[in-house]
Amino acid sequence: MDLPGHGGAVAWDGGDYQRQAFEMAQSLCDTPVHLVGHSFGASVALRLAVERPDVMRSLTLVDPVFFYAAKQADPALFDQYAQRAGPVMQAIAKKDHMHAAELFLGDWGVEGGWAMMPPPARAAIAERMPLIGVTAASLIEDTGQIWPRLRDVTCPVLIVSGGKSEPVMPGIVQGLEAQFENCTSVVFDDAGHMIPVTHGPQLAAQIAAFTA
């Protein structure tokens, strides 16, 4: 599904962004599912897993940006991330959304993607940059109270991360791994954050084998 304010989805309702996305996802899961979430979508998938374990057959997290896990597993690594993220958040606060988008995609996008992107696409991404600020608390402070309930997740969990993703990612993976009783982790050494875009067939094969 598209997240609130993205693609064909409804607009952000002005409240808890992660909650709104969770409720949208929950409405689609009336039978047990193999749930896959990428980036912020992985935090939504985590919230669904702890709120509705009855609909979970398996959980796949692709380069999850649940920074709270890194805060618990490796605070120094998280602090380094927070410093690197500072300029993006400052640009958002100044409403310099085009600059914020360029900085953000430099860290989390496809390598060289911003330079290749046509102006309308840049403008569309810049328009949505305020949502990055809106989601920060749920990812950094765990306002959805996901972390205390992760040990209740009993379905099989697969974590796929990129070896060239943001340096905080190993800390996130380490923190999450320690919470699950049935977890498999895979690193695509030559991938960055945008694994579904750059390594779609390999990711699909990994998920297919995991859920077989």
N, C-alpha and C. Protein backbone atom coordinates (compact mmCIF):
# COMPACT_ATOMS: atom_id res chain seq x y z
N MET A 1 0.85 -1.19 0.00
CA MET A 1 0.00 0.00 0.00
C MET A 1 0.89 1.24 0.00
N ASP A 2 0.35 2.37 -0.49
CA ASP A 2 1.03 3.66 -0.38
C ASP A 2 0.82 4.21 1.02
N LEU A 3 1.85 4.83 1.56
CA LEU A 3 1.74 5.46 2.87
C LEU A 3 0.92 6.75 2.77
N PRO A 4 0.37 7.24 3.88
CA PRO A 4 -0.41 8.48 3.84
C PRO A 4 0.38 9.61 3.18
N GLY A 5 -0.28 10.33 2.29
CA GLY A 5 0.36 11.45 1.62
C GLY A 5 1.27 11.05 0.48
N HIS A 6 1.28 9.77 0.12
CA HIS A 6 2.13 9.28 -0.97
C HIS A 6 1.27 8.56 -2.01
N GLY A 7 1.70 8.64 -3.27
CA GLY A 7 1.04 7.88 -4.32
C GLY A 7 -0.45 8.14 -4.36
N GLY A 8 -1.22 7.05 -4.33
CA GLY A 8 -2.67 7.17 -4.39
C GLY A 8 -3.36 7.13 -3.05
N ALA A 9 -2.59 7.20 -1.95
CA ALA A 9 -3.17 7.09 -0.61
C ALA A 9 -3.83 8.40 -0.18
N VAL A 10 -4.62 8.30 0.87
CA VAL A 10 -5.22 9.51 1.45
C VAL A 10 -4.12 10.37 2.06
N ALA A 11 -4.45 11.62 2.30
CA ALA A 11 -3.49 12.55 2.90
C ALA A 11 -3.25 12.21 4.37
N TRP A 12 -2.12 12.65 4.89
CA TRP A 12 -1.87 12.55 6.33
C TRP A 12 -2.97 13.30 7.06
N ASP A 13 -3.50 12.67 8.12
CA ASP A 13 -4.64 13.26 8.82
C ASP A 13 -4.25 14.28 9.88
N GLY A 14 -2.95 14.54 10.03
CA GLY A 14 -2.49 15.54 10.99
C GLY A 14 -2.20 14.99 12.37
N GLY A 15 -2.50 13.71 12.59
CA GLY A 15 -2.23 13.09 13.88
C GLY A 15 -0.96 12.26 13.87
N ASP A 16 -0.98 11.15 14.57
CA ASP A 16 0.16 10.23 14.64
C ASP A 16 0.28 9.54 13.28
N TYR A 17 1.34 9.87 12.56
CA TYR A 17 1.49 9.36 11.19
C TYR A 17 1.61 7.84 11.17
N GLN A 18 2.43 7.30 12.06
CA GLN A 18 2.61 5.85 12.10
C GLN A 18 1.29 5.14 12.45
N ARG A 19 0.52 5.74 13.36
CA ARG A 19 -0.78 5.15 13.71
C ARG A 19 -1.71 5.13 12.50
N GLN A 20 -1.75 6.22 11.76
CA GLN A 20 -2.62 6.25 10.59
C GLN A 20 -2.20 5.18 9.58
N ALA A 21 -0.89 5.06 9.35
CA ALA A 21 -0.41 4.04 8.41
C ALA A 21 -0.71 2.64 8.92
N PHE A 22 -0.54 2.43 10.23
CA PHE A 22 -0.85 1.13 10.83
C PHE A 22 -2.33 0.78 10.64
N GLU A 23 -3.20 1.74 10.87
CA GLU A 23 -4.63 1.46 10.73
C GLU A 23 -4.99 1.16 9.27
N MET A 24 -4.33 1.83 8.34
CA MET A 24 -4.55 1.53 6.92
C MET A 24 -4.11 0.10 6.61
N ALA A 25 -2.94 -0.27 7.13
CA ALA A 25 -2.43 -1.62 6.87
C ALA A 25 -3.32 -2.67 7.52
N GLN A 26 -3.74 -2.39 8.75
CA GLN A 26 -4.58 -3.34 9.48
C GLN A 26 -5.89 -3.62 8.73
N SER A 27 -6.43 -2.60 8.08
CA SER A 27 -7.69 -2.76 7.37
C SER A 27 -7.57 -3.71 6.19
N LEU A 28 -6.34 -3.95 5.73
CA LEU A 28 -6.12 -4.84 4.59
C LEU A 28 -5.83 -6.27 5.01
N CYS A 29 -5.68 -6.50 6.29
CA CYS A 29 -5.25 -7.82 6.78
C CYS A 29 -6.38 -8.51 7.53
N ASP A 30 -7.36 -9.02 6.78
CA ASP A 30 -8.47 -9.71 7.43
C ASP A 30 -8.22 -11.21 7.54
N THR A 31 -7.13 -11.68 6.94
CA THR A 31 -6.67 -13.06 7.10
C THR A 31 -5.17 -13.03 7.34
N PRO A 32 -4.58 -14.09 7.88
CA PRO A 32 -3.13 -14.10 8.13
C PRO A 32 -2.33 -13.85 6.85
N VAL A 33 -1.27 -13.04 6.97
CA VAL A 33 -0.51 -12.59 5.81
C VAL A 33 0.99 -12.76 6.05
N HIS A 34 1.73 -12.85 4.95
CA HIS A 34 3.18 -12.66 4.95
C HIS A 34 3.40 -11.17 4.73
N LEU A 35 3.81 -10.47 5.76
CA LEU A 35 3.88 -9.01 5.72
C LEU A 35 5.31 -8.55 5.43
N VAL A 36 5.46 -7.64 4.47
CA VAL A 36 6.76 -7.09 4.09
C VAL A 36 6.70 -5.58 4.22
N GLY A 37 7.69 -5.00 4.90
CA GLY A 37 7.77 -3.55 5.01
C GLY A 37 9.17 -3.07 4.73
N HIS A 38 9.29 -1.98 3.96
CA HIS A 38 10.59 -1.39 3.64
C HIS A 38 10.69 -0.01 4.25
N SER A 39 11.85 0.32 4.82
CA SER A 39 12.14 1.65 5.33
C SER A 39 11.13 2.02 6.42
N PHE A 40 10.44 3.16 6.28
CA PHE A 40 9.42 3.50 7.29
C PHE A 40 8.31 2.46 7.30
N GLY A 41 8.03 1.88 6.15
CA GLY A 41 7.02 0.83 6.09
C GLY A 41 7.33 -0.34 6.99
N ALA A 42 8.63 -0.56 7.25
CA ALA A 42 9.01 -1.63 8.17
C ALA A 42 8.59 -1.30 9.60
N SER A 43 8.60 -0.03 9.96
CA SER A 43 8.13 0.34 11.30
C SER A 43 6.63 0.13 11.41
N VAL A 44 5.91 0.37 10.31
CA VAL A 44 4.47 0.10 10.29
C VAL A 44 4.21 -1.39 10.42
N ALA A 45 5.03 -2.18 9.72
CA ALA A 45 4.90 -3.64 9.81
C ALA A 45 5.18 -4.12 11.23
N LEU A 46 6.19 -3.55 11.87
CA LEU A 46 6.48 -3.91 13.26
C LEU A 46 5.30 -3.59 14.17
N ARG A 47 4.70 -2.44 13.95
CA ARG A 47 3.56 -2.06 14.79
C ARG A 47 2.39 -3.01 14.58
N LEU A 48 2.18 -3.42 13.32
CA LEU A 48 1.12 -4.37 13.05
C LEU A 48 1.41 -5.71 13.71
N ALA A 49 2.69 -6.10 13.71
CA ALA A 49 3.07 -7.40 14.28
C ALA A 49 2.82 -7.44 15.79
N VAL A 50 3.04 -6.31 16.48
CA VAL A 50 2.83 -6.32 17.93
C VAL A 50 1.37 -6.05 18.30
N GLU A 51 0.65 -5.32 17.44
CA GLU A 51 -0.76 -5.03 17.73
C GLU A 51 -1.67 -6.18 17.31
N ARG A 52 -1.32 -6.84 16.20
CA ARG A 52 -2.19 -7.86 15.64
C ARG A 52 -1.40 -9.14 15.30
N PRO A 53 -0.83 -9.80 16.29
CA PRO A 53 -0.08 -11.02 16.01
C PRO A 53 -0.93 -12.11 15.36
N ASP A 54 -2.25 -12.00 15.51
CA ASP A 54 -3.14 -13.01 14.96
C ASP A 54 -3.18 -13.01 13.44
N VAL A 55 -2.74 -11.92 12.81
CA VAL A 55 -2.77 -11.87 11.34
C VAL A 55 -1.39 -12.05 10.72
N MET A 56 -0.43 -12.45 11.52
CA MET A 56 0.95 -12.56 11.04
C MET A 56 1.33 -14.01 10.75
N ARG A 57 1.62 -14.31 9.49
CA ARG A 57 2.23 -15.59 9.14
C ARG A 57 3.75 -15.47 9.17
N SER A 58 4.25 -14.34 8.67
CA SER A 58 5.67 -14.04 8.75
C SER A 58 5.84 -12.54 8.62
N LEU A 59 7.02 -12.07 8.98
CA LEU A 59 7.32 -10.64 8.95
C LEU A 59 8.68 -10.45 8.27
N THR A 60 8.72 -9.65 7.21
CA THR A 60 9.98 -9.32 6.54
C THR A 60 10.21 -7.82 6.64
N LEU A 61 11.35 -7.46 7.17
CA LEU A 61 11.74 -6.05 7.34
C LEU A 61 12.90 -5.77 6.41
N VAL A 62 12.73 -4.83 5.50
CA VAL A 62 13.76 -4.50 4.52
C VAL A 62 14.36 -3.14 4.87
N ASP A 63 15.64 -3.15 5.28
CA ASP A 63 16.34 -1.94 5.70
C ASP A 63 15.45 -1.08 6.60
N PRO A 64 15.03 -1.63 7.74
CA PRO A 64 14.08 -0.92 8.61
C PRO A 64 14.73 0.29 9.26
N VAL A 65 14.04 1.43 9.27
CA VAL A 65 14.59 2.65 9.85
C VAL A 65 14.03 2.89 11.25
N PHE A 66 13.92 1.83 12.02
CA PHE A 66 13.44 1.93 13.40
C PHE A 66 14.64 2.28 14.29
N PHE A 67 15.00 3.56 14.31
CA PHE A 67 16.23 4.02 14.94
C PHE A 67 16.27 3.75 16.43
N TYR A 68 15.12 3.62 17.05
CA TYR A 68 15.07 3.33 18.48
C TYR A 68 15.84 2.06 18.81
N ALA A 69 15.81 1.09 17.90
CA ALA A 69 16.53 -0.17 18.14
C ALA A 69 18.03 0.07 18.21
N ALA A 70 18.54 0.97 17.38
CA ALA A 70 19.97 1.29 17.43
C ALA A 70 20.30 2.04 18.71
N LYS A 71 19.39 2.88 19.19
CA LYS A 71 19.62 3.57 20.46
C LYS A 71 19.82 2.58 21.59
N GLN A 72 19.09 1.46 21.53
CA GLN A 72 19.20 0.46 22.59
C GLN A 72 20.44 -0.42 22.41
N ALA A 73 20.76 -0.76 21.18
CA ALA A 73 21.85 -1.72 20.92
C ALA A 73 23.21 -1.06 20.85
N ASP A 74 23.28 0.15 20.30
CA ASP A 74 24.57 0.82 20.10
C ASP A 74 24.36 2.32 20.13
N PRO A 75 24.26 2.90 21.34
CA PRO A 75 23.97 4.33 21.46
C PRO A 75 24.97 5.22 20.73
N ALA A 76 26.24 4.83 20.71
CA ALA A 76 27.24 5.65 20.03
C ALA A 76 26.97 5.70 18.53
N LEU A 77 26.59 4.56 17.97
CA LEU A 77 26.27 4.51 16.55
C LEU A 77 25.04 5.35 16.25
N PHE A 78 24.06 5.30 17.14
CA PHE A 78 22.88 6.14 16.96
C PHE A 78 23.23 7.61 17.02
N ASP A 79 24.08 7.99 17.96
CA ASP A 79 24.48 9.40 18.09
C ASP A 79 25.15 9.90 16.82
N GLN A 80 25.97 9.05 16.21
CA GLN A 80 26.61 9.43 14.95
C GLN A 80 25.56 9.65 13.86
N TYR A 81 24.57 8.78 13.83
CA TYR A 81 23.48 8.96 12.86
C TYR A 81 22.75 10.28 13.11
N ALA A 82 22.44 10.57 14.37
CA ALA A 82 21.68 11.78 14.70
C ALA A 82 22.43 13.03 14.23
N GLN A 83 23.75 13.01 14.36
CA GLN A 83 24.54 14.15 13.89
C GLN A 83 24.46 14.28 12.37
N ARG A 84 24.53 13.16 11.67
CA ARG A 84 24.46 13.21 10.20
C ARG A 84 23.08 13.65 9.73
N ALA A 85 22.04 13.29 10.49
CA ALA A 85 20.68 13.64 10.09
C ALA A 85 20.35 15.09 10.41
N GLY A 86 21.17 15.73 11.21
CA GLY A 86 20.89 17.10 11.65
C GLY A 86 20.62 18.08 10.52
N PRO A 87 21.49 18.13 9.50
CA PRO A 87 21.26 19.10 8.42
C PRO A 87 19.93 18.90 7.69
N VAL A 88 19.48 17.65 7.53
CA VAL A 88 18.20 17.40 6.88
C VAL A 88 17.07 17.98 7.72
N MET A 89 17.10 17.69 9.02
CA MET A 89 16.03 18.17 9.89
C MET A 89 16.05 19.70 10.00
N GLN A 90 17.25 20.29 9.96
CA GLN A 90 17.35 21.75 10.01
C GLN A 90 16.76 22.37 8.75
N ALA A 91 17.03 21.76 7.61
CA ALA A 91 16.48 22.27 6.35
C ALA A 91 14.96 22.17 6.34
N ILE A 92 14.43 21.06 6.89
CA ILE A 92 12.98 20.92 6.98
C ILE A 92 12.41 22.00 7.88
N ALA A 93 13.07 22.24 9.02
CA ALA A 93 12.59 23.27 9.96
C ALA A 93 12.58 24.65 9.33
N LYS A 94 13.53 24.91 8.42
CA LYS A 94 13.61 26.20 7.72
C LYS A 94 12.70 26.26 6.50
N LYS A 95 11.98 25.16 6.24
CA LYS A 95 11.11 25.03 5.08
C LYS A 95 11.88 25.09 3.76
N ASP A 96 13.15 24.76 3.81
CA ASP A 96 13.96 24.64 2.60
C ASP A 96 13.85 23.19 2.13
N HIS A 97 12.68 22.86 1.63
CA HIS A 97 12.36 21.46 1.36
C HIS A 97 13.13 20.88 0.19
N MET A 98 13.48 21.69 -0.79
CA MET A 98 14.25 21.18 -1.92
C MET A 98 15.64 20.76 -1.46
N HIS A 99 16.27 21.58 -0.63
CA HIS A 99 17.59 21.23 -0.12
C HIS A 99 17.50 20.02 0.81
N ALA A 100 16.45 19.98 1.62
CA ALA A 100 16.25 18.83 2.51
C ALA A 100 16.11 17.55 1.71
N ALA A 101 15.37 17.61 0.61
CA ALA A 101 15.18 16.42 -0.23
C ALA A 101 16.49 15.96 -0.84
N GLU A 102 17.29 16.90 -1.31
CA GLU A 102 18.59 16.53 -1.90
C GLU A 102 19.49 15.87 -0.86
N LEU A 103 19.53 16.42 0.34
CA LEU A 103 20.35 15.84 1.41
C LEU A 103 19.82 14.47 1.81
N PHE A 104 18.51 14.37 1.95
CA PHE A 104 17.89 13.13 2.39
C PHE A 104 18.14 12.00 1.40
N LEU A 105 17.93 12.27 0.12
CA LEU A 105 18.15 11.22 -0.88
C LEU A 105 19.62 10.91 -1.05
N GLY A 106 20.49 11.85 -0.70
CA GLY A 106 21.91 11.55 -0.71
C GLY A 106 22.27 10.46 0.28
N ASP A 107 21.53 10.41 1.40
CA ASP A 107 21.76 9.38 2.42
C ASP A 107 20.95 8.12 2.16
N TRP A 108 19.69 8.28 1.72
CA TRP A 108 18.75 7.15 1.71
C TRP A 108 18.26 6.75 0.32
N GLY A 109 18.60 7.51 -0.70
CA GLY A 109 18.13 7.21 -2.04
C GLY A 109 19.09 6.34 -2.82
N VAL A 110 18.76 6.13 -4.09
CA VAL A 110 19.65 5.41 -5.00
C VAL A 110 20.82 6.32 -5.34
N GLU A 111 22.03 5.76 -5.34
CA GLU A 111 23.23 6.56 -5.61
C GLU A 111 23.09 7.30 -6.94
N GLY A 112 23.28 8.60 -6.88
CA GLY A 112 23.18 9.43 -8.08
C GLY A 112 21.76 9.72 -8.53
N GLY A 113 20.79 9.28 -7.76
CA GLY A 113 19.40 9.41 -8.17
C GLY A 113 18.93 10.85 -8.28
N TRP A 114 19.34 11.69 -7.33
CA TRP A 114 18.89 13.09 -7.35
C TRP A 114 19.35 13.79 -8.62
N ALA A 115 20.59 13.56 -9.01
CA ALA A 115 21.13 14.22 -10.21
C ALA A 115 20.38 13.77 -11.46
N MET A 116 19.91 12.54 -11.49
CA MET A 116 19.21 12.01 -12.67
C MET A 116 17.72 12.34 -12.67
N MET A 117 17.21 12.83 -11.59
CA MET A 117 15.77 13.00 -11.42
C MET A 117 15.28 14.25 -12.14
N PRO A 118 14.21 14.16 -12.92
CA PRO A 118 13.66 15.34 -13.58
C PRO A 118 13.05 16.31 -12.56
N PRO A 119 12.99 17.60 -12.91
CA PRO A 119 12.47 18.60 -11.96
C PRO A 119 11.11 18.28 -11.35
N PRO A 120 10.13 17.77 -12.11
CA PRO A 120 8.83 17.47 -11.47
C PRO A 120 8.95 16.42 -10.37
N ALA A 121 9.82 15.43 -10.56
CA ALA A 121 10.01 14.40 -9.52
C ALA A 121 10.69 15.01 -8.29
N ARG A 122 11.67 15.87 -8.52
CA ARG A 122 12.32 16.54 -7.39
C ARG A 122 11.30 17.36 -6.59
N ALA A 123 10.45 18.07 -7.31
CA ALA A 123 9.45 18.90 -6.64
C ALA A 123 8.47 18.06 -5.84
N ALA A 124 8.08 16.90 -6.39
CA ALA A 124 7.14 16.03 -5.69
C ALA A 124 7.74 15.50 -4.40
N ILE A 125 9.02 15.13 -4.43
CA ILE A 125 9.68 14.63 -3.23
C ILE A 125 9.87 15.77 -2.22
N ALA A 126 10.28 16.94 -2.70
CA ALA A 126 10.48 18.08 -1.80
C ALA A 126 9.18 18.43 -1.08
N GLU A 127 8.06 18.33 -1.79
CA GLU A 127 6.76 18.65 -1.20
C GLU A 127 6.43 17.75 -0.02
N ARG A 128 6.97 16.53 -0.03
CA ARG A 128 6.66 15.56 1.02
C ARG A 128 7.70 15.53 2.14
N MET A 129 8.73 16.35 2.05
CA MET A 129 9.77 16.32 3.07
C MET A 129 9.27 16.64 4.48
N PRO A 130 8.25 17.49 4.67
CA PRO A 130 7.76 17.70 6.03
C PRO A 130 7.33 16.41 6.72
N LEU A 131 6.92 15.40 5.94
CA LEU A 131 6.50 14.13 6.54
C LEU A 131 7.69 13.42 7.19
N ILE A 132 8.90 13.70 6.74
CA ILE A 132 10.08 13.12 7.39
C ILE A 132 10.18 13.63 8.82
N GLY A 133 9.92 14.91 9.00
CA GLY A 133 9.92 15.46 10.35
C GLY A 133 8.78 14.91 11.19
N VAL A 134 7.63 14.70 10.57
CA VAL A 134 6.46 14.18 11.27
C VAL A 134 6.71 12.77 11.80
N THR A 135 7.44 11.95 11.03
CA THR A 135 7.65 10.56 11.42
C THR A 135 8.79 10.35 12.40
N ALA A 136 9.59 11.37 12.63
CA ALA A 136 10.83 11.20 13.40
C ALA A 136 10.58 10.64 14.80
N ALA A 137 9.58 11.15 15.50
CA ALA A 137 9.36 10.74 16.89
C ALA A 137 9.03 9.25 16.98
N SER A 138 8.24 8.75 16.03
CA SER A 138 7.87 7.32 16.08
C SER A 138 9.08 6.43 15.85
N LEU A 139 10.04 6.90 15.07
CA LEU A 139 11.21 6.09 14.74
C LEU A 139 12.33 6.23 15.77
N ILE A 140 12.45 7.40 16.35
CA ILE A 140 13.56 7.67 17.27
C ILE A 140 13.15 7.47 18.73
N GLU A 141 11.93 7.86 19.07
CA GLU A 141 11.46 7.77 20.45
C GLU A 141 10.51 6.61 20.69
N ASP A 142 10.11 5.91 19.63
CA ASP A 142 9.17 4.80 19.71
C ASP A 142 7.87 5.22 20.40
N THR A 143 7.26 6.26 19.87
CA THR A 143 6.00 6.74 20.44
C THR A 143 4.87 5.71 20.31
N GLY A 144 5.04 4.76 19.39
CA GLY A 144 4.03 3.71 19.25
C GLY A 144 4.20 2.56 20.21
N GLN A 145 5.23 2.63 21.08
CA GLN A 145 5.48 1.60 22.09
C GLN A 145 5.62 0.21 21.45
N ILE A 146 6.38 0.16 20.37
CA ILE A 146 6.65 -1.10 19.69
C ILE A 146 7.69 -1.92 20.44
N TRP A 147 8.77 -1.28 20.84
CA TRP A 147 9.92 -1.97 21.42
C TRP A 147 9.56 -2.88 22.60
N PRO A 148 8.78 -2.42 23.58
CA PRO A 148 8.49 -3.29 24.74
C PRO A 148 7.71 -4.55 24.39
N ARG A 149 7.11 -4.57 23.19
CA ARG A 149 6.25 -5.70 22.82
C ARG A 149 6.86 -6.62 21.77
N LEU A 150 8.08 -6.33 21.34
CA LEU A 150 8.67 -7.12 20.26
C LEU A 150 8.89 -8.59 20.66
N ARG A 151 9.15 -8.84 21.91
CA ARG A 151 9.37 -10.22 22.34
C ARG A 151 8.09 -11.06 22.28
N ASP A 152 6.95 -10.40 22.08
CA ASP A 152 5.70 -11.13 21.94
C ASP A 152 5.46 -11.60 20.51
N VAL A 153 6.32 -11.16 19.58
CA VAL A 153 6.18 -11.57 18.18
C VAL A 153 6.72 -12.99 18.03
N THR A 154 5.86 -13.90 17.66
CA THR A 154 6.27 -15.31 17.58
C THR A 154 6.40 -15.82 16.15
N CYS A 155 5.92 -15.06 15.17
CA CYS A 155 6.03 -15.52 13.78
C CYS A 155 7.48 -15.43 13.32
N PRO A 156 7.86 -16.16 12.28
CA PRO A 156 9.22 -16.04 11.74
C PRO A 156 9.48 -14.62 11.22
N VAL A 157 10.69 -14.13 11.45
CA VAL A 157 11.07 -12.78 11.04
C VAL A 157 12.31 -12.84 10.15
N LEU A 158 12.26 -12.12 9.04
CA LEU A 158 13.41 -11.97 8.15
C LEU A 158 13.77 -10.50 8.09
N ILE A 159 15.06 -10.20 8.31
CA ILE A 159 15.55 -8.83 8.17
C ILE A 159 16.56 -8.81 7.03
N VAL A 160 16.29 -7.99 6.03
CA VAL A 160 17.20 -7.82 4.89
C VAL A 160 17.73 -6.39 4.92
N SER A 161 19.04 -6.25 4.93
CA SER A 161 19.62 -4.91 4.96
C SER A 161 20.69 -4.79 3.88
N GLY A 162 21.03 -3.54 3.57
CA GLY A 162 22.03 -3.27 2.55
C GLY A 162 23.39 -2.99 3.17
N GLY A 163 24.41 -3.64 2.65
CA GLY A 163 25.76 -3.42 3.16
C GLY A 163 26.27 -2.02 2.94
N LYS A 164 25.67 -1.29 1.99
CA LYS A 164 26.06 0.09 1.71
C LYS A 164 25.00 1.07 2.16
N SER A 165 24.10 0.62 3.02
CA SER A 165 23.07 1.51 3.55
C SER A 165 23.69 2.45 4.57
N GLU A 166 22.87 3.30 5.16
CA GLU A 166 23.33 4.24 6.18
C GLU A 166 24.06 3.48 7.30
N PRO A 167 25.17 4.02 7.82
CA PRO A 167 25.97 3.30 8.82
C PRO A 167 25.24 2.90 10.08
N VAL A 168 24.08 3.50 10.37
CA VAL A 168 23.33 3.13 11.57
C VAL A 168 22.61 1.80 11.40
N MET A 169 22.46 1.33 10.17
CA MET A 169 21.64 0.15 9.93
C MET A 169 22.09 -1.09 10.71
N PRO A 170 23.40 -1.40 10.80
CA PRO A 170 23.79 -2.58 11.59
C PRO A 170 23.34 -2.50 13.04
N GLY A 171 23.31 -1.29 13.60
CA GLY A 171 22.83 -1.14 14.97
C GLY A 171 21.35 -1.42 15.09
N ILE A 172 20.58 -0.98 14.10
CA ILE A 172 19.15 -1.26 14.08
C ILE A 172 18.91 -2.77 13.99
N VAL A 173 19.62 -3.41 13.07
CA VAL A 173 19.45 -4.85 12.89
C VAL A 173 19.85 -5.61 14.15
N GLN A 174 20.96 -5.21 14.75
CA GLN A 174 21.41 -5.88 15.98
C GLN A 174 20.37 -5.76 17.08
N GLY A 175 19.80 -4.56 17.23
CA GLY A 175 18.79 -4.37 18.26
C GLY A 175 17.55 -5.20 18.03
N LEU A 176 17.10 -5.25 16.77
CA LEU A 176 15.90 -6.02 16.46
C LEU A 176 16.14 -7.52 16.60
N GLU A 177 17.27 -7.99 16.10
CA GLU A 177 17.58 -9.42 16.17
C GLU A 177 17.46 -9.95 17.59
N ALA A 178 17.93 -9.16 18.55
CA ALA A 178 17.96 -9.61 19.94
C ALA A 178 16.57 -9.74 20.54
N GLN A 179 15.56 -9.14 19.89
CA GLN A 179 14.21 -9.16 20.45
C GLN A 179 13.36 -10.33 19.94
N PHE A 180 13.76 -10.92 18.83
CA PHE A 180 12.93 -11.95 18.21
C PHE A 180 13.47 -13.34 18.51
N GLU A 181 12.58 -14.27 18.75
CA GLU A 181 13.00 -15.64 19.05
C GLU A 181 13.24 -16.45 17.78
N ASN A 182 12.71 -15.99 16.65
CA ASN A 182 12.84 -16.73 15.40
C ASN A 182 13.16 -15.74 14.29
N CYS A 183 14.44 -15.39 14.17
CA CYS A 183 14.83 -14.31 13.27
C CYS A 183 15.99 -14.74 12.37
N THR A 184 15.88 -14.41 11.10
CA THR A 184 16.94 -14.62 10.12
C THR A 184 17.35 -13.27 9.55
N SER A 185 18.66 -13.00 9.49
CA SER A 185 19.15 -11.74 8.95
C SER A 185 20.01 -12.00 7.73
N VAL A 186 19.81 -11.19 6.71
CA VAL A 186 20.56 -11.31 5.46
C VAL A 186 21.04 -9.92 5.07
N VAL A 187 22.30 -9.82 4.65
CA VAL A 187 22.86 -8.55 4.17
C VAL A 187 23.17 -8.68 2.68
N PHE A 188 22.64 -7.78 1.89
CA PHE A 188 23.03 -7.67 0.48
C PHE A 188 24.21 -6.71 0.43
N ASP A 189 25.40 -7.26 0.31
CA ASP A 189 26.62 -6.47 0.48
C ASP A 189 26.71 -5.28 -0.46
N ASP A 190 26.23 -5.42 -1.67
CA ASP A 190 26.39 -4.37 -2.67
C ASP A 190 25.16 -3.47 -2.79
N ALA A 191 24.25 -3.57 -1.84
CA ALA A 191 23.01 -2.78 -1.88
C ALA A 191 23.06 -1.62 -0.91
N GLY A 192 22.38 -0.53 -1.26
CA GLY A 192 22.14 0.56 -0.35
C GLY A 192 20.78 0.41 0.30
N HIS A 193 20.15 1.54 0.61
CA HIS A 193 18.87 1.49 1.32
C HIS A 193 17.73 1.05 0.42
N MET A 194 17.80 1.41 -0.87
CA MET A 194 16.65 1.19 -1.76
C MET A 194 16.69 -0.20 -2.39
N ILE A 195 16.76 -1.21 -1.56
CA ILE A 195 16.87 -2.59 -2.01
C ILE A 195 15.73 -3.01 -2.95
N PRO A 196 14.48 -2.66 -2.67
CA PRO A 196 13.41 -3.08 -3.59
C PRO A 196 13.57 -2.52 -5.00
N VAL A 197 14.24 -1.37 -5.13
CA VAL A 197 14.44 -0.74 -6.44
C VAL A 197 15.67 -1.32 -7.13
N THR A 198 16.76 -1.44 -6.40
CA THR A 198 18.03 -1.83 -7.02
C THR A 198 18.24 -3.34 -7.06
N HIS A 199 17.61 -4.09 -6.16
CA HIS A 199 17.82 -5.52 -6.05
C HIS A 199 16.49 -6.26 -5.94
N GLY A 200 15.53 -5.83 -6.75
CA GLY A 200 14.19 -6.42 -6.68
C GLY A 200 14.14 -7.93 -6.86
N PRO A 201 14.75 -8.48 -7.91
CA PRO A 201 14.70 -9.93 -8.11
C PRO A 201 15.35 -10.72 -6.98
N GLN A 202 16.49 -10.20 -6.48
CA GLN A 202 17.17 -10.90 -5.38
C GLN A 202 16.34 -10.85 -4.10
N LEU A 203 15.73 -9.71 -3.85
CA LEU A 203 14.88 -9.58 -2.67
C LEU A 203 13.67 -10.49 -2.78
N ALA A 204 13.05 -10.53 -3.96
CA ALA A 204 11.89 -11.39 -4.16
C ALA A 204 12.25 -12.85 -3.94
N ALA A 205 13.41 -13.25 -4.43
CA ALA A 205 13.84 -14.65 -4.26
C ALA A 205 14.08 -14.96 -2.78
N GLN A 206 14.65 -14.00 -2.05
CA GLN A 206 14.91 -14.19 -0.63
C GLN A 206 13.60 -14.35 0.14
N ILE A 207 12.62 -13.50 -0.16
CA ILE A 207 11.33 -13.57 0.53
C ILE A 207 10.60 -14.86 0.15
N ALA A 208 10.67 -15.23 -1.12
CA ALA A 208 9.99 -16.46 -1.57
C ALA A 208 10.55 -17.68 -0.84
N ALA A 209 11.87 -17.73 -0.69
CA ALA A 209 12.48 -18.87 0.01
C ALA A 209 12.11 -18.85 1.48
N PHE A 210 12.04 -17.67 2.08
CA PHE A 210 11.73 -17.53 3.49
C PHE A 210 10.29 -17.94 3.80
N THR A 211 9.37 -17.62 2.89
CA THR A 211 7.96 -17.86 3.14
C THR A 211 7.46 -19.19 2.55
N ALA A 212 8.34 -19.93 1.91
CA ALA A 212 7.93 -21.18 1.25
C ALA A 212 7.44 -22.20 2.29
